[in-house]
Amino acid sequence: MQCVWAGNAGGRFEIIAAGNYRHLFDLNTHGGPKFPQDSLINDIKFRLVGVAPYPKHNAPVDPEAEVIIKLLATSDN
């Protein structure tokens, strides 16, 4: 997770779908055209719902810190 600006956390995700096809995508808590909050892959919508603890602006990143990411996956049918 990375704090892009105060009020937004972003993460890079990897999904391996049927046929072992790899999907890499970035999601953000803020949303908007440049900072998407959701992504559609194989008719499944993935949405970044929350991050805890929320990253602090300009705070050093601790690679050993425990982070809880809430990612919602729903059928787009």
C-alpha atoms as a PDB file:
ATOM      1  CA  MET A   1       0.000   0.000   0.000  1.00  0.00           C
ATOM      2  CA  GLN A   2       1.097   3.524  -0.707  1.00  0.00           C
ATOM      3  CA  CYS A   3      -0.297   6.895   0.294  1.00  0.00           C
ATOM      4  CA  VAL A   4      -0.459   8.817  -3.003  1.00  0.00           C
ATOM      5  CA  TRP A   5      -1.769  11.942  -1.311  1.00  0.00           C
ATOM      6  CA  ALA A   6      -3.523  12.655   1.963  1.00  0.00           C
ATOM      7  CA  GLY A   7      -6.894  10.907   1.805  1.00  0.00           C
ATOM      8  CA  ASN A   8      -5.963   8.237  -0.753  1.00  0.00           C
ATOM      9  CA  ALA A   9      -4.364   4.819  -0.367  1.00  0.00           C
ATOM     10  CA  GLY A  10      -3.463   2.823  -3.438  1.00  0.00           C
ATOM     11  CA  GLY A  11      -2.451  -0.763  -3.975  1.00  0.00           C
ATOM     12  CA  ARG A  12      -1.348  -3.023  -6.808  1.00  0.00           C
ATOM     13  CA  PHE A  13      -3.163  -6.339  -7.087  1.00  0.00           C
ATOM     14  CA  GLU A  14      -2.601  -9.523  -9.069  1.00  0.00           C
ATOM     15  CA  ILE A  15      -5.407 -11.904  -9.972  1.00  0.00           C
ATOM     16  CA  ILE A  16      -4.789 -15.225 -11.724  1.00  0.00           C
ATOM     17  CA  ALA A  17      -7.955 -16.069 -13.663  1.00  0.00           C
ATOM     18  CA  ALA A  18      -9.114 -19.157 -15.568  1.00  0.00           C
ATOM     19  CA  GLY A  19      -6.471 -20.388 -17.960  1.00  0.00           C
ATOM     20  CA  ASN A  20      -3.752 -19.007 -15.687  1.00  0.00           C
ATOM     21  CA  TYR A  21      -4.085 -15.550 -17.225  1.00  0.00           C
ATOM     22  CA  ARG A  22      -2.442 -12.954 -14.984  1.00  0.00           C
ATOM     23  CA  HIS A  23      -4.176  -9.611 -14.386  1.00  0.00           C
ATOM     24  CA  LEU A  24      -2.269  -6.764 -12.708  1.00  0.00           C
ATOM     25  CA  PHE A  25      -4.260  -3.695 -11.683  1.00  0.00           C
ATOM     26  CA  ASP A  26      -4.096  -0.730  -9.326  1.00  0.00           C
ATOM     27  CA  LEU A  27      -6.943   0.341  -7.059  1.00  0.00           C
ATOM     28  CA  ASN A  28      -7.331   3.400  -4.835  1.00  0.00           C
ATOM     29  CA  THR A  29      -9.566   4.403  -1.953  1.00  0.00           C
ATOM     30  CA  HIS A  30     -10.222   7.864  -3.443  1.00  0.00           C
ATOM     31  CA  GLY A  31     -11.575   6.964  -6.885  1.00  0.00           C
ATOM     32  CA  GLY A  32     -11.834   9.148  -9.975  1.00  0.00           C
ATOM     33  CA  PRO A  33     -10.496   8.852 -13.536  1.00  0.00           C
ATOM     34  CA  LYS A  34      -6.802   8.770 -12.581  1.00  0.00           C
ATOM     35  CA  PHE A  35      -7.249   6.829  -9.337  1.00  0.00           C
ATOM     36  CA  PRO A  36      -9.756   4.008 -10.007  1.00  0.00           C
ATOM     37  CA  GLN A  37     -11.460   2.426  -7.044  1.00  0.00           C
ATOM     38  CA  ASP A  38     -12.653  -0.631  -8.961  1.00  0.00           C
ATOM     39  CA  SER A  39     -11.715  -2.888 -11.872  1.00  0.00           C
ATOM     40  CA  LEU A  40     -13.699  -5.414 -13.942  1.00  0.00           C
ATOM     41  CA  ILE A  41     -11.948  -8.711 -14.714  1.00  0.00           C
ATOM     42  CA  ASN A  42     -13.767 -11.690 -16.271  1.00  0.00           C
ATOM     43  CA  ASP A  43     -17.184 -10.282 -15.245  1.00  0.00           C
ATOM     44  CA  ILE A  44     -16.063  -9.869 -11.625  1.00  0.00           C
ATOM     45  CA  LYS A  45     -15.870  -6.362 -10.213  1.00  0.00           C
ATOM     46  CA  PHE A  46     -13.066  -5.811  -7.701  1.00  0.00           C
ATOM     47  CA  ARG A  47     -13.361  -2.736  -5.465  1.00  0.00           C
ATOM     48  CA  LEU A  48     -10.937  -1.431  -2.855  1.00  0.00           C
ATOM     49  CA  VAL A  49     -13.160  -0.764   0.145  1.00  0.00           C
ATOM     50  CA  GLY A  50     -10.645   0.113   2.849  1.00  0.00           C
ATOM     51  CA  VAL A  51      -7.157  -0.051   4.280  1.00  0.00           C
ATOM     52  CA  ALA A  52      -6.183  -0.309   7.957  1.00  0.00           C
ATOM     53  CA  PRO A  53      -4.181   1.229   9.378  1.00  0.00           C
ATOM     54  CA  TYR A  54      -4.579   3.986   6.849  1.00  0.00           C
ATOM     55  CA  PRO A  55      -1.170   5.154   5.489  1.00  0.00           C
ATOM     56  CA  LYS A  56       0.018   8.544   6.731  1.00  0.00           C
ATOM     57  CA  HIS A  57       1.166  11.200   4.276  1.00  0.00           C
ATOM     58  CA  ASN A  58       4.978  11.308   3.928  1.00  0.00           C
ATOM     59  CA  ALA A  59       5.414   8.663   6.636  1.00  0.00           C
ATOM     60  CA  PRO A  60       8.160   6.083   6.070  1.00  0.00           C
ATOM     61  CA  VAL A  61       6.913   2.739   4.784  1.00  0.00           C
ATOM     62  CA  ASP A  62       7.570  -0.238   7.047  1.00  0.00           C
ATOM     63  CA  PRO A  63       7.738  -3.334   4.798  1.00  0.00           C
ATOM     64  CA  GLU A  64       7.153  -5.533   7.858  1.00  0.00           C
ATOM     65  CA  ALA A  65       4.003  -3.709   9.010  1.00  0.00           C
ATOM     66  CA  GLU A  66       0.740  -5.617   9.050  1.00  0.00           C
ATOM     67  CA  VAL A  67      -1.867  -4.066   6.755  1.00  0.00           C
ATOM     68  CA  ILE A  68      -5.479  -5.160   6.380  1.00  0.00           C
ATOM     69  CA  ILE A  69      -6.958  -4.565   2.937  1.00  0.00           C
ATOM     70  CA  LYS A  70     -10.690  -4.880   2.294  1.00  0.00           C
ATOM     71  CA  LEU A  71     -11.267  -5.897  -1.320  1.00  0.00           C
ATOM     72  CA  LEU A  72     -14.843  -6.553  -2.433  1.00  0.00           C
ATOM     73  CA  ALA A  73     -15.451  -8.934  -5.358  1.00  0.00           C
ATOM     74  CA  THR A  74     -18.936  -9.072  -6.887  1.00  0.00           C
ATOM     75  CA  SER A  75     -20.434 -10.574 -10.032  1.00  0.00           C
ATOM     76  CA  ASP A  76     -21.148  -7.936 -12.678  1.00  0.00           C
ATOM     77  CA  ASN A  77     -24.049  -9.951 -14.151  1.00  0.00           C
END
